[in-house]
Structure formats: structure tokens, C-alpha cells
Amino acid sequence: MPLLEIKDLKKIYSIDEVETYALRGVSFNVEEGEFIAITGPSGSGKSTLLHILGFLDKPTTGEYKFSGKMIDKYSENESAVFRNKEIGFVFQSFNLLARTSVIDNIKLPLMYSDIPEKNWHNLATKAIEEVGLSHRVHHYPSQLSGGEKQRTAIARALITNPKIIFADEPTGNLDTKTGESIMAIFDKLNRINRHTLILITHEKEVANYADRIIHIRDGKIEYDRLTKNGKNNI
């Protein structure tokens, strides 16, 4: 059974009786352990799709199953709990708390989990080690470089050991060299740790780290194909 099953998703926004189609019938599956890049020009619908897949929004019509369960079967509270436990997010703007240390920023998702507090420090330390940031544990975001801020955000996404990590333009605010170091971390998380990753990007070089590229234009999938890293036929 695929981890994610997406069938004919449509998203329509209505403003002053004017309908705008963000998604126009998107269908694909995601297998556990895949690394997928979703690409497309601005306004193509890729961020809308990510928000739906990450339980941050719901489609107007269509079917979305996560681990075999329809998204519309989840209540608002169940969605919040599921999102905290099974999904990790990494954003372009990092979304770190300015007056909170690196280790406490990383611990934030645990405050809304059922994981005992006595385990929080060890989990945070492990996540920090995964991204190579042990030397910045007690620093604050203002004391970090852009790359270090994104490493912190990745560690925060990892801390609950989610089934899937969504990354929205994770290298968008970084220079080329720093972006490459961040993508090396994502590559390791997928190849060695077998995390399922879905990454939104408009950068071809970043997309090519993935096994598979789904390109969206005008709310539809223009193509869905493997990169040189892909292992199976689509």
C-alpha cells in the first residue's frame, strides 16, 4: 500500500463569486522511502498541493489517503495530532523562535506530543547530531548563519521521527554552496535513514537530488518522471 494516495485533487478558491483553480485534478502515489521533488513556476499550484498533503489545508474535491486512511475522515483535532506525530515540515523562512535556543527550538514539536518529557533532551541531541549542529546547541537564531538556521529547522522536523518530511523551498534563502550542504543532509536522510521526503523547489539542481520529479503547471501535472537517482519505472 502506498504511503500517500492522491486521486483527482482539485482546489478552488472563491473570492467575490470569482473561482480560481489552484489544482485541476492531480493524481499520483508516494511509496514509503521515496524522495520526490515537486517543481513548477510560481502560481502553478505546488505550494497548495504541499499544504494539502501536509494536512494544512483540504482539497475542494478528490481523494487523499495517508497510510490508507482518507484525509476527510480526520477531525480537526485528529488532524493536528497526526500532523505533529507523523509529519515534519521544513520551510524556506526557517520559522524559528528568535528568543529560543537551538535545542529548545528543536524540542518545540515535543510539547504537543505524547512523548514523555524525560526523553526530550536525548531526542533533541540525536536530531542535532544528525544535522551536524552540536556546536551550536545553546546559540540563538540571531547568532546562526542561514545554513545553520535551516539545519535547526531540519532537526526540529526530525525529532518526532515522522513518516514523511515536507520541505518548502528549503534552499530558497541560501547561497549555492550552503544550499548544497543542506541538500546533502536531505540526501543522507533519504538514502541512509530512509525517510520519505517531498520537496518543493523551482531550482533544477535541487530537484535533481530527488529520485522523482513531479512538475506542475497551471494546477495540473505536466510530467512525472525519474531522475538519474530513480530506482523504479513510473
C-alpha atoms as a PDB file:
ATOM      1  CA  MET A   1       0.000   0.000   0.000  1.00  0.00           C
ATOM      2  CA  PRO A   2       1.417   3.425  -0.936  1.00  0.00           C
ATOM      3  CA  LEU A   3       2.166   5.825   1.902  1.00  0.00           C
ATOM      4  CA  LEU A   4       0.228   8.571   0.085  1.00  0.00           C
ATOM      5  CA  GLU A   5      -2.528   8.064  -2.479  1.00  0.00           C
ATOM      6  CA  ILE A   6      -3.699  11.171  -4.317  1.00  0.00           C
ATOM      7  CA  LYS A   7      -6.557  10.932  -6.809  1.00  0.00           C
ATOM      8  CA  ASP A   8      -8.043  13.782  -8.861  1.00  0.00           C
ATOM      9  CA  LEU A   9      -7.357  16.504  -6.274  1.00  0.00           C
ATOM     10  CA  LYS A  10      -8.880  19.864  -7.049  1.00  0.00           C
ATOM     11  CA  LYS A  11      -8.617  23.083  -5.070  1.00  0.00           C
ATOM     12  CA  ILE A  12     -10.847  26.022  -5.909  1.00  0.00           C
ATOM     13  CA  TYR A  13     -10.709  29.409  -4.195  1.00  0.00           C
ATOM     14  CA  SER A  14     -13.805  31.619  -4.443  1.00  0.00           C
ATOM     15  CA  ILE A  15     -13.422  35.366  -3.963  1.00  0.00           C
ATOM     16  CA  ASP A  16     -16.318  37.712  -4.739  1.00  0.00           C
ATOM     17  CA  GLU A  17     -18.005  34.933  -6.721  1.00  0.00           C
ATOM     18  CA  VAL A  18     -14.900  34.514  -8.868  1.00  0.00           C
ATOM     19  CA  GLU A  19     -13.461  30.968  -8.839  1.00  0.00           C
ATOM     20  CA  THR A  20      -9.735  30.392  -9.113  1.00  0.00           C
ATOM     21  CA  TYR A  21      -8.472  26.862  -9.715  1.00  0.00           C
ATOM     22  CA  ALA A  22      -5.222  26.193  -7.838  1.00  0.00           C
ATOM     23  CA  LEU A  23      -5.320  22.450  -8.591  1.00  0.00           C
ATOM     24  CA  ARG A  24      -7.168  20.936 -11.553  1.00  0.00           C
ATOM     25  CA  GLY A  25      -7.219  17.180 -10.928  1.00  0.00           C
ATOM     26  CA  VAL A  26      -3.868  15.960  -9.597  1.00  0.00           C
ATOM     27  CA  SER A  27      -3.238  12.214  -9.171  1.00  0.00           C
ATOM     28  CA  PHE A  28      -0.141  10.286  -8.033  1.00  0.00           C
ATOM     29  CA  ASN A  29       1.081   7.892  -5.331  1.00  0.00           C
ATOM     30  CA  VAL A  30       4.046   8.136  -2.982  1.00  0.00           C
ATOM     31  CA  GLU A  31       5.777   4.993  -1.755  1.00  0.00           C
ATOM     32  CA  GLU A  32       7.466   4.811   1.624  1.00  0.00           C
ATOM     33  CA  GLY A  33      11.121   5.785   1.317  1.00  0.00           C
ATOM     34  CA  GLU A  34      10.728   7.845  -1.858  1.00  0.00           C
ATOM     35  CA  PHE A  35      12.384  11.221  -2.379  1.00  0.00           C
ATOM     36  CA  ILE A  36      10.173  13.373  -4.604  1.00  0.00           C
ATOM     37  CA  ALA A  37      10.674  16.925  -5.843  1.00  0.00           C
ATOM     38  CA  ILE A  38       7.583  18.899  -6.864  1.00  0.00           C
ATOM     39  CA  THR A  39       8.518  21.629  -9.309  1.00  0.00           C
ATOM     40  CA  GLY A  40       6.743  24.270 -11.338  1.00  0.00           C
ATOM     41  CA  PRO A  41       6.584  28.027 -11.946  1.00  0.00           C
ATOM     42  CA  SER A  42       5.140  30.486  -9.441  1.00  0.00           C
ATOM     43  CA  GLY A  43       1.375  30.112  -9.239  1.00  0.00           C
ATOM     44  CA  SER A  44       1.422  26.566 -10.613  1.00  0.00           C
ATOM     45  CA  GLY A  45      -0.238  25.084  -7.515  1.00  0.00           C
ATOM     46  CA  LYS A  46       2.755  23.305  -5.976  1.00  0.00           C
ATOM     47  CA  SER A  47       2.548  25.060  -2.590  1.00  0.00           C
ATOM     48  CA  THR A  48      -1.217  24.495  -2.457  1.00  0.00           C
ATOM     49  CA  LEU A  49      -0.578  20.812  -3.082  1.00  0.00           C
ATOM     50  CA  LEU A  50       2.038  20.699  -0.318  1.00  0.00           C
ATOM     51  CA  HIS A  51      -0.374  22.294   2.154  1.00  0.00           C
ATOM     52  CA  ILE A  52      -2.999  19.666   1.371  1.00  0.00           C
ATOM     53  CA  LEU A  53      -0.533  16.789   1.619  1.00  0.00           C
ATOM     54  CA  GLY A  54       0.716  18.172   4.944  1.00  0.00           C
ATOM     55  CA  PHE A  55      -2.775  18.416   6.499  1.00  0.00           C
ATOM     56  CA  LEU A  56      -2.599  22.217   6.495  1.00  0.00           C
ATOM     57  CA  ASP A  57      -5.477  22.531   4.043  1.00  0.00           C
ATOM     58  CA  LYS A  58      -8.139  20.328   2.450  1.00  0.00           C
ATOM     59  CA  PRO A  59      -8.991  19.806  -1.211  1.00  0.00           C
ATOM     60  CA  THR A  60     -12.241  21.050  -2.688  1.00  0.00           C
ATOM     61  CA  THR A  61     -12.788  17.644  -4.312  1.00  0.00           C
ATOM     62  CA  GLY A  62     -10.796  14.465  -4.854  1.00  0.00           C
ATOM     63  CA  GLU A  63      -9.330  11.769  -2.648  1.00  0.00           C
ATOM     64  CA  TYR A  64      -6.266  11.860  -0.429  1.00  0.00           C
ATOM     65  CA  LYS A  65      -5.247   8.827   1.634  1.00  0.00           C
ATOM     66  CA  PHE A  66      -2.380   8.796   4.123  1.00  0.00           C
ATOM     67  CA  SER A  67      -1.420   5.247   5.162  1.00  0.00           C
ATOM     68  CA  GLY A  68      -4.716   4.038   3.736  1.00  0.00           C
ATOM     69  CA  LYS A  69      -6.994   6.472   5.595  1.00  0.00           C
ATOM     70  CA  MET A  70      -8.944   9.205   3.841  1.00  0.00           C
ATOM     71  CA  ILE A  71      -7.993  12.716   4.977  1.00  0.00           C
ATOM     72  CA  ASP A  72     -11.659  13.704   5.265  1.00  0.00           C
ATOM     73  CA  LYS A  73     -12.110  11.051   7.962  1.00  0.00           C
ATOM     74  CA  TYR A  74      -9.902  13.036  10.345  1.00  0.00           C
ATOM     75  CA  SER A  75     -11.465  15.611  12.674  1.00  0.00           C
ATOM     76  CA  GLU A  76      -9.649  18.943  13.152  1.00  0.00           C
ATOM     77  CA  ASN A  77      -8.157  17.680  16.421  1.00  0.00           C
ATOM     78  CA  GLU A  78      -7.135  14.352  14.909  1.00  0.00           C
ATOM     79  CA  SER A  79      -5.518  16.188  12.004  1.00  0.00           C
ATOM     80  CA  ALA A  80      -3.470  18.333  14.399  1.00  0.00           C
ATOM     81  CA  VAL A  81      -2.318  15.302  16.390  1.00  0.00           C
ATOM     82  CA  PHE A  82      -1.497  13.351  13.236  1.00  0.00           C
ATOM     83  CA  ARG A  83       0.395  16.295  11.732  1.00  0.00           C
ATOM     84  CA  ASN A  84       2.510  16.628  14.890  1.00  0.00           C
ATOM     85  CA  LYS A  85       3.303  12.917  15.118  1.00  0.00           C
ATOM     86  CA  GLU A  86       3.653  11.720  11.536  1.00  0.00           C
ATOM     87  CA  ILE A  87       4.697  14.790   9.529  1.00  0.00           C
ATOM     88  CA  GLY A  88       7.781  17.012   9.668  1.00  0.00           C
ATOM     89  CA  PHE A  89       7.957  20.430   7.995  1.00  0.00           C
ATOM     90  CA  VAL A  90      10.908  22.485   6.782  1.00  0.00           C
ATOM     91  CA  PHE A  91      10.208  25.975   5.429  1.00  0.00           C
ATOM     92  CA  GLN A  92      12.163  28.473   3.338  1.00  0.00           C
ATOM     93  CA  SER A  93      11.996  31.104   6.101  1.00  0.00           C
ATOM     94  CA  PHE A  94      13.089  28.627   8.835  1.00  0.00           C
ATOM     95  CA  ASN A  95      10.253  29.640  11.244  1.00  0.00           C
ATOM     96  CA  LEU A  96      12.454  29.602  14.351  1.00  0.00           C
ATOM     97  CA  LEU A  97      11.581  31.366  17.607  1.00  0.00           C
ATOM     98  CA  ALA A  98      14.031  34.273  17.903  1.00  0.00           C
ATOM     99  CA  ARG A  99      14.373  34.259  21.693  1.00  0.00           C
ATOM    100  CA  THR A 100      14.685  30.488  21.988  1.00  0.00           C
ATOM    101  CA  SER A 101      17.916  28.491  21.832  1.00  0.00           C
ATOM    102  CA  VAL A 102      18.671  25.960  19.114  1.00  0.00           C
ATOM    103  CA  ILE A 103      17.950  22.977  21.333  1.00  0.00           C
ATOM    104  CA  ASP A 104      14.684  24.446  22.616  1.00  0.00           C
ATOM    105  CA  ASN A 105      13.562  25.334  19.085  1.00  0.00           C
ATOM    106  CA  ILE A 106      14.163  21.725  18.132  1.00  0.00           C
ATOM    107  CA  LYS A 107      12.168  20.469  21.122  1.00  0.00           C
ATOM    108  CA  LEU A 108       9.057  22.502  20.221  1.00  0.00           C
ATOM    109  CA  PRO A 109       7.104  19.703  18.459  1.00  0.00           C
ATOM    110  CA  LEU A 110       7.526  17.533  21.554  1.00  0.00           C
ATOM    111  CA  MET A 111       5.461  19.978  23.616  1.00  0.00           C
ATOM    112  CA  TYR A 112       2.400  18.885  21.631  1.00  0.00           C
ATOM    113  CA  SER A 113       3.240  15.176  21.583  1.00  0.00           C
ATOM    114  CA  ASP A 114       2.657  12.293  23.971  1.00  0.00           C
ATOM    115  CA  ILE A 115       6.409  11.672  24.284  1.00  0.00           C
ATOM    116  CA  PRO A 116       7.487  11.825  27.970  1.00  0.00           C
ATOM    117  CA  GLU A 117       9.428  14.993  28.824  1.00  0.00           C
ATOM    118  CA  LYS A 118      12.249  12.937  30.326  1.00  0.00           C
ATOM    119  CA  ASN A 119      13.085  11.773  26.766  1.00  0.00           C
ATOM    120  CA  TRP A 120      13.102  15.207  25.138  1.00  0.00           C
ATOM    121  CA  HIS A 121      16.755  16.096  25.695  1.00  0.00           C
ATOM    122  CA  ASN A 122      18.075  12.835  24.257  1.00  0.00           C
ATOM    123  CA  LEU A 123      15.795  13.095  21.220  1.00  0.00           C
ATOM    124  CA  ALA A 124      16.855  16.701  20.599  1.00  0.00           C
ATOM    125  CA  THR A 125      20.538  15.821  20.991  1.00  0.00           C
ATOM    126  CA  LYS A 126      20.185  12.974  18.481  1.00  0.00           C
ATOM    127  CA  ALA A 127      18.417  15.242  15.970  1.00  0.00           C
ATOM    128  CA  ILE A 128      21.108  17.907  16.380  1.00  0.00           C
ATOM    129  CA  GLU A 129      23.814  15.339  15.703  1.00  0.00           C
ATOM    130  CA  GLU A 130      22.009  14.190  12.553  1.00  0.00           C
ATOM    131  CA  VAL A 131      22.372  17.657  11.023  1.00  0.00           C
ATOM    132  CA  GLY A 132      25.872  18.392  12.335  1.00  0.00           C
ATOM    133  CA  LEU A 133      24.946  21.243  14.673  1.00  0.00           C
ATOM    134  CA  SER A 134      26.182  20.011  18.047  1.00  0.00           C
ATOM    135  CA  HIS A 135      28.486  23.050  18.356  1.00  0.00           C
ATOM    136  CA  ARG A 136      25.509  25.449  18.247  1.00  0.00           C
ATOM    137  CA  VAL A 137      23.185  23.814  20.800  1.00  0.00           C
ATOM    138  CA  HIS A 138      22.852  26.838  23.111  1.00  0.00           C
ATOM    139  CA  HIS A 139      23.050  29.563  20.480  1.00  0.00           C
ATOM    140  CA  TYR A 140      20.075  31.678  19.404  1.00  0.00           C
ATOM    141  CA  PRO A 141      18.821  32.130  15.816  1.00  0.00           C
ATOM    142  CA  SER A 142      20.364  35.614  15.580  1.00  0.00           C
ATOM    143  CA  GLN A 143      23.767  34.003  16.182  1.00  0.00           C
ATOM    144  CA  LEU A 144      23.360  31.459  13.362  1.00  0.00           C
ATOM    145  CA  SER A 145      24.112  31.580   9.654  1.00  0.00           C
ATOM    146  CA  GLY A 146      21.333  30.861   7.163  1.00  0.00           C
ATOM    147  CA  GLY A 147      22.574  27.308   6.727  1.00  0.00           C
ATOM    148  CA  GLU A 148      22.683  26.741  10.487  1.00  0.00           C
ATOM    149  CA  LYS A 149      19.124  28.048  10.826  1.00  0.00           C
ATOM    150  CA  GLN A 150      17.955  25.572   8.195  1.00  0.00           C
ATOM    151  CA  ARG A 151      19.836  22.731   9.894  1.00  0.00           C
ATOM    152  CA  THR A 152      17.983  23.648  13.084  1.00  0.00           C
ATOM    153  CA  ALA A 153      14.688  23.541  11.197  1.00  0.00           C
ATOM    154  CA  ILE A 154      15.531  20.117   9.751  1.00  0.00           C
ATOM    155  CA  ALA A 155      16.417  18.776  13.204  1.00  0.00           C
ATOM    156  CA  ARG A 156      13.083  20.097  14.504  1.00  0.00           C
ATOM    157  CA  ALA A 157      11.288  18.254  11.688  1.00  0.00           C
ATOM    158  CA  LEU A 158      13.110  15.031  12.562  1.00  0.00           C
ATOM    159  CA  ILE A 159      12.545  14.979  16.293  1.00  0.00           C
ATOM    160  CA  THR A 160       9.257  13.047  16.337  1.00  0.00           C
ATOM    161  CA  ASN A 161      10.598  10.542  13.774  1.00  0.00           C
ATOM    162  CA  PRO A 162       7.795  11.348  11.305  1.00  0.00           C
ATOM    163  CA  LYS A 163       6.690   9.096   8.460  1.00  0.00           C
ATOM    164  CA  ILE A 164       7.290  11.879   5.965  1.00  0.00           C
ATOM    165  CA  ILE A 165       9.103  15.227   5.782  1.00  0.00           C
ATOM    166  CA  PHE A 166       7.806  18.081   3.613  1.00  0.00           C
ATOM    167  CA  ALA A 167      10.260  20.811   2.652  1.00  0.00           C
ATOM    168  CA  ASP A 168       9.011  24.018   1.003  1.00  0.00           C
ATOM    169  CA  GLU A 169      11.836  25.743  -0.928  1.00  0.00           C
ATOM    170  CA  PRO A 170      14.392  24.796   1.792  1.00  0.00           C
ATOM    171  CA  THR A 171      17.318  26.330  -0.119  1.00  0.00           C
ATOM    172  CA  GLY A 172      15.455  29.413  -1.350  1.00  0.00           C
ATOM    173  CA  ASN A 173      17.101  31.800   1.132  1.00  0.00           C
ATOM    174  CA  LEU A 174      20.572  30.274   0.914  1.00  0.00           C
ATOM    175  CA  ASP A 175      23.588  30.756  -1.319  1.00  0.00           C
ATOM    176  CA  THR A 176      24.573  27.960  -3.698  1.00  0.00           C
ATOM    177  CA  LYS A 177      27.265  26.372  -1.522  1.00  0.00           C
ATOM    178  CA  THR A 178      25.129  26.438   1.629  1.00  0.00           C
ATOM    179  CA  GLY A 179      22.165  25.096  -0.342  1.00  0.00           C
ATOM    180  CA  GLU A 180      24.281  22.164  -1.499  1.00  0.00           C
ATOM    181  CA  SER A 181      25.211  21.341   2.104  1.00  0.00           C
ATOM    182  CA  ILE A 182      21.524  21.381   3.095  1.00  0.00           C
ATOM    183  CA  MET A 183      20.610  19.108   0.190  1.00  0.00           C
ATOM    184  CA  ALA A 184      23.388  16.737   1.232  1.00  0.00           C
ATOM    185  CA  ILE A 185      21.595  16.388   4.580  1.00  0.00           C
ATOM    186  CA  PHE A 186      18.280  15.632   2.879  1.00  0.00           C
ATOM    187  CA  ASP A 187      20.042  13.130   0.632  1.00  0.00           C
ATOM    188  CA  LYS A 188      21.523  11.371   3.661  1.00  0.00           C
ATOM    189  CA  LEU A 189      18.166  11.323   5.457  1.00  0.00           C
ATOM    190  CA  ASN A 190      16.638   9.562   2.485  1.00  0.00           C
ATOM    191  CA  ARG A 191      19.436   7.250   1.320  1.00  0.00           C
ATOM    192  CA  ILE A 192      20.731   6.154   4.723  1.00  0.00           C
ATOM    193  CA  ASN A 193      17.912   6.811   7.198  1.00  0.00           C
ATOM    194  CA  ARG A 194      15.159   6.003   4.643  1.00  0.00           C
ATOM    195  CA  HIS A 195      12.974   8.999   5.460  1.00  0.00           C
ATOM    196  CA  THR A 196      10.267   9.716   2.901  1.00  0.00           C
ATOM    197  CA  LEU A 197      10.789  13.240   1.537  1.00  0.00           C
ATOM    198  CA  ILE A 198       8.674  15.573  -0.586  1.00  0.00           C
ATOM    199  CA  LEU A 199      10.405  18.799  -1.525  1.00  0.00           C
ATOM    200  CA  ILE A 200       9.022  21.867  -3.278  1.00  0.00           C
ATOM    201  CA  THR A 201      11.548  23.742  -5.396  1.00  0.00           C
ATOM    202  CA  HIS A 202      11.916  25.840  -8.536  1.00  0.00           C
ATOM    203  CA  GLU A 203      15.637  25.048  -8.786  1.00  0.00           C
ATOM    204  CA  LYS A 204      16.593  22.301 -11.252  1.00  0.00           C
ATOM    205  CA  GLU A 205      19.831  21.492  -9.414  1.00  0.00           C
ATOM    206  CA  VAL A 206      17.920  20.959  -6.159  1.00  0.00           C
ATOM    207  CA  ALA A 207      15.212  18.838  -7.822  1.00  0.00           C
ATOM    208  CA  ASN A 208      17.842  16.523  -9.256  1.00  0.00           C
ATOM    209  CA  TYR A 209      18.740  15.281  -5.774  1.00  0.00           C
ATOM    210  CA  ALA A 210      15.367  13.523  -5.729  1.00  0.00           C
ATOM    211  CA  ASP A 211      14.531  10.130  -7.233  1.00  0.00           C
ATOM    212  CA  ARG A 212      11.490  11.534  -8.974  1.00  0.00           C
ATOM    213  CA  ILE A 213      10.267  14.900 -10.219  1.00  0.00           C
ATOM    214  CA  ILE A 214       6.600  15.838 -10.455  1.00  0.00           C
ATOM    215  CA  HIS A 215       6.282  19.031 -12.480  1.00  0.00           C
ATOM    216  CA  ILE A 216       3.105  21.078 -12.128  1.00  0.00           C
ATOM    217  CA  ARG A 217       1.860  23.805 -14.422  1.00  0.00           C
ATOM    218  CA  ASP A 218      -1.490  25.593 -14.184  1.00  0.00           C
ATOM    219  CA  GLY A 219      -2.704  23.212 -11.489  1.00  0.00           C
ATOM    220  CA  LYS A 220      -2.033  20.032 -13.469  1.00  0.00           C
ATOM    221  CA  ILE A 221       0.807  17.528 -13.583  1.00  0.00           C
ATOM    222  CA  GLU A 222       2.790  18.264 -16.729  1.00  0.00           C
ATOM    223  CA  TYR A 223       5.134  15.324 -16.216  1.00  0.00           C
ATOM    224  CA  ASP A 224       6.064  12.754 -13.566  1.00  0.00           C
ATOM    225  CA  ARG A 225       9.442  11.170 -14.206  1.00  0.00           C
ATOM    226  CA  LEU A 226      12.537   9.677 -12.633  1.00  0.00           C
ATOM    227  CA  THR A 227      15.857  11.439 -12.272  1.00  0.00           C
ATOM    228  CA  LYS A 228      19.174   9.636 -12.650  1.00  0.00           C
ATOM    229  CA  ASN A 229      18.776   8.663  -8.979  1.00  0.00           C
ATOM    230  CA  GLY A 230      15.423   6.917  -9.592  1.00  0.00           C
ATOM    231  CA  LYS A 231      15.201   3.218  -8.943  1.00  0.00           C
ATOM    232  CA  ASN A 232      11.870   2.210 -10.460  1.00  0.00           C
ATOM    233  CA  ASN A 233       9.792   2.962 -13.516  1.00  0.00           C
ATOM    234  CA  ILE A 234       6.906   5.369 -13.033  1.00  0.00           C
END
